[in-house]
Amino acid sequence: MGANQTPAQAAAVAAASRSTRLTGRAALLAVVICAIALSLAYPVREYIAQRQQIDQLLAQHAMTSAQVKALQDQATALGQASYIEQQARDQLHMCFPNEQCYQVIAGSAPAAHARAKPAVSPWYSRLWQSVQRANQESPQ
């Protein structure tokens, strides 16, 4: 205590000097908190990575389940004779023995309405014809 200080002023100065100064206990507490934070960083990172992997696997499981359901529905449909008949008609263009089937080919006109297009000979054929004409017309 100074000579001119009151006890309240002396306590305030002592508290101020204690709070600004880093004590050994405070340093040890800071080291312990840093060690705890560092020791928790790796497990938390692993936990987050595992949660992401679990989410991916759940999404993959849902997709696989949907594919299994679709395949089961297709197997059920293939067990029905009417579905097989329809597929044979649509994909294989089949019909029953006493039926008369027609197949419409898109883009083709009937023969009566088709216009005769002049036949275009290939370029090499025209080239050879021009060479032959040039030979015939050459003076001898």
Protein backbone atom coordinates (compact mmCIF):
# COMPACT_ATOMS: atom_id res chain seq x y z
CA MET A 1 0.00 0.00 0.00
CA GLY A 2 1.09 3.47 -0.78
CA ALA A 3 1.28 6.22 1.85
CA ASN A 4 -1.55 8.30 0.47
CA GLN A 5 -3.91 5.44 -0.61
CA THR A 6 -7.09 4.43 1.07
CA PRO A 7 -7.84 0.74 1.59
CA ALA A 8 -10.47 0.80 -1.21
CA GLN A 9 -8.01 2.31 -3.67
CA ALA A 10 -5.37 -0.20 -2.72
CA ALA A 11 -7.82 -3.09 -3.33
CA ALA A 12 -8.78 -1.67 -6.73
CA VAL A 13 -5.14 -1.37 -7.79
CA ALA A 14 -4.42 -4.92 -6.60
CA ALA A 15 -7.44 -6.31 -8.50
CA ALA A 16 -6.42 -4.45 -11.67
CA SER A 17 -2.87 -5.75 -11.50
CA ARG A 18 -4.14 -9.30 -10.88
CA SER A 19 -6.57 -9.26 -13.81
CA THR A 20 -4.09 -7.95 -16.35
CA ARG A 21 -1.37 -10.33 -15.39
CA LEU A 22 -1.41 -13.98 -16.69
CA THR A 23 -1.08 -16.32 -13.78
CA GLY A 24 0.19 -19.87 -13.88
CA ARG A 25 -3.28 -21.24 -13.23
CA ALA A 26 -4.77 -19.27 -16.14
CA ALA A 27 -2.03 -20.51 -18.48
CA LEU A 28 -2.63 -24.09 -17.38
CA LEU A 29 -6.38 -23.65 -17.92
CA ALA A 30 -5.75 -22.27 -21.44
CA VAL A 31 -3.50 -25.24 -22.28
CA VAL A 32 -6.11 -27.70 -21.00
CA ILE A 33 -8.88 -26.05 -23.03
CA CYS A 34 -6.71 -26.12 -26.18
CA ALA A 35 -5.87 -29.79 -25.59
CA ILE A 36 -9.55 -30.67 -25.18
CA ALA A 37 -10.46 -28.75 -28.35
CA LEU A 38 -7.71 -30.48 -30.34
CA SER A 39 -8.63 -33.90 -28.99
CA LEU A 40 -12.27 -33.37 -30.00
CA ALA A 41 -11.53 -32.03 -33.49
CA TYR A 42 -10.68 -35.39 -35.08
CA PRO A 43 -13.67 -37.34 -33.65
CA VAL A 44 -16.07 -34.57 -34.67
CA ARG A 45 -14.65 -34.58 -38.20
CA GLU A 46 -14.98 -38.37 -38.37
CA TYR A 47 -18.54 -38.16 -37.06
CA ILE A 48 -19.48 -35.68 -39.79
CA ALA A 49 -17.85 -37.85 -42.47
CA GLN A 50 -19.65 -40.95 -41.23
CA ARG A 51 -23.00 -39.10 -41.22
CA GLN A 52 -22.43 -38.09 -44.84
CA GLN A 53 -21.58 -41.68 -45.74
CA ILE A 54 -24.72 -42.92 -43.96
CA ASP A 55 -26.83 -40.40 -45.91
CA GLN A 56 -25.29 -41.57 -49.19
CA LEU A 57 -25.93 -45.20 -48.32
CA LEU A 58 -29.54 -44.45 -47.38
CA ALA A 59 -30.06 -42.71 -50.73
CA GLN A 60 -28.46 -45.66 -52.53
CA HIS A 61 -30.69 -48.05 -50.58
CA ALA A 62 -33.80 -46.08 -51.56
CA MET A 63 -32.75 -46.14 -55.23
CA THR A 64 -32.03 -49.87 -55.11
CA SER A 65 -35.37 -50.53 -53.42
CA ALA A 66 -37.14 -48.61 -56.18
CA GLN A 67 -35.33 -50.69 -58.81
CA VAL A 68 -36.29 -53.92 -57.01
CA LYS A 69 -39.93 -52.79 -56.90
CA ALA A 70 -39.87 -51.98 -60.63
CA LEU A 71 -38.35 -55.38 -61.43
CA GLN A 72 -40.93 -57.13 -59.26
CA ASP A 73 -43.71 -55.26 -61.09
CA GLN A 74 -42.19 -56.27 -64.41
CA ALA A 75 -41.96 -59.92 -63.28
CA THR A 76 -45.61 -59.81 -62.25
CA ALA A 77 -46.58 -58.36 -65.64
CA LEU A 78 -44.55 -61.00 -67.47
CA GLY A 79 -46.56 -63.65 -65.63
CA GLN A 80 -49.75 -62.47 -67.33
CA ALA A 81 -50.57 -63.94 -70.75
CA SER A 82 -52.25 -60.75 -71.99
CA TYR A 83 -49.09 -58.69 -71.34
CA ILE A 84 -46.94 -61.22 -73.19
CA GLU A 85 -49.35 -61.21 -76.15
CA GLN A 86 -49.29 -57.41 -76.27
CA GLN A 87 -45.48 -57.32 -76.16
CA ALA A 88 -45.29 -59.94 -78.94
CA ARG A 89 -47.58 -57.81 -81.09
CA ASP A 90 -45.81 -54.52 -80.38
CA GLN A 91 -42.16 -55.51 -80.34
CA LEU A 92 -41.97 -58.65 -82.45
CA HIS A 93 -44.84 -57.81 -84.88
CA MET A 94 -46.43 -61.20 -84.30
CA CYS A 95 -50.08 -62.18 -84.66
CA PHE A 96 -52.19 -65.28 -84.14
CA PRO A 97 -52.31 -67.90 -86.93
CA ASN A 98 -55.79 -67.04 -88.25
CA GLU A 99 -55.37 -63.27 -87.94
CA GLN A 100 -54.42 -60.89 -90.69
CA CYS A 101 -51.89 -58.32 -89.49
CA TYR A 102 -50.89 -55.07 -91.10
CA GLN A 103 -47.85 -53.00 -90.45
CA VAL A 104 -47.77 -49.33 -91.35
CA ILE A 105 -44.32 -48.05 -92.07
CA ALA A 106 -44.02 -44.37 -91.34
CA GLY A 107 -42.76 -42.11 -94.09
CA SER A 108 -43.46 -44.39 -97.05
CA ALA A 109 -46.14 -43.49 -99.57
CA PRO A 110 -48.29 -46.11 -101.33
CA ALA A 111 -47.04 -47.18 -104.77
CA ALA A 112 -49.99 -45.57 -106.60
CA HIS A 113 -49.23 -42.15 -105.17
CA ALA A 114 -45.47 -42.33 -105.31
CA ARG A 115 -43.88 -40.08 -107.87
CA ALA A 116 -41.09 -41.50 -109.95
CA LYS A 117 -37.93 -39.64 -109.13
CA PRO A 118 -35.21 -39.54 -111.73
CA ALA A 119 -32.46 -41.92 -110.84
CA VAL A 120 -29.36 -40.02 -109.87
CA SER A 121 -26.27 -41.90 -110.83
CA PRO A 122 -23.28 -41.78 -108.53
CA TRP A 123 -20.52 -39.26 -109.21
CA TYR A 124 -18.00 -41.81 -110.41
CA SER A 125 -20.47 -43.11 -112.98
CA ARG A 126 -21.04 -39.59 -114.34
CA LEU A 127 -17.28 -39.00 -114.40
CA TRP A 128 -16.68 -42.16 -116.41
CA GLN A 129 -19.47 -41.25 -118.86
CA SER A 130 -17.93 -37.81 -119.41
CA VAL A 131 -14.53 -39.45 -120.10
CA GLN A 132 -16.15 -41.78 -122.65
CA ARG A 133 -17.95 -38.86 -124.36
CA ALA A 134 -14.69 -36.93 -124.51
CA ASN A 135 -13.01 -39.90 -126.22
CA GLN A 136 -15.78 -40.11 -128.83
CA GLU A 137 -15.68 -36.42 -129.61
CA SER A 138 -11.90 -36.12 -129.93
CA PRO A 139 -10.66 -35.48 -133.51
CA GLN A 140 -8.68 -38.29 -135.11
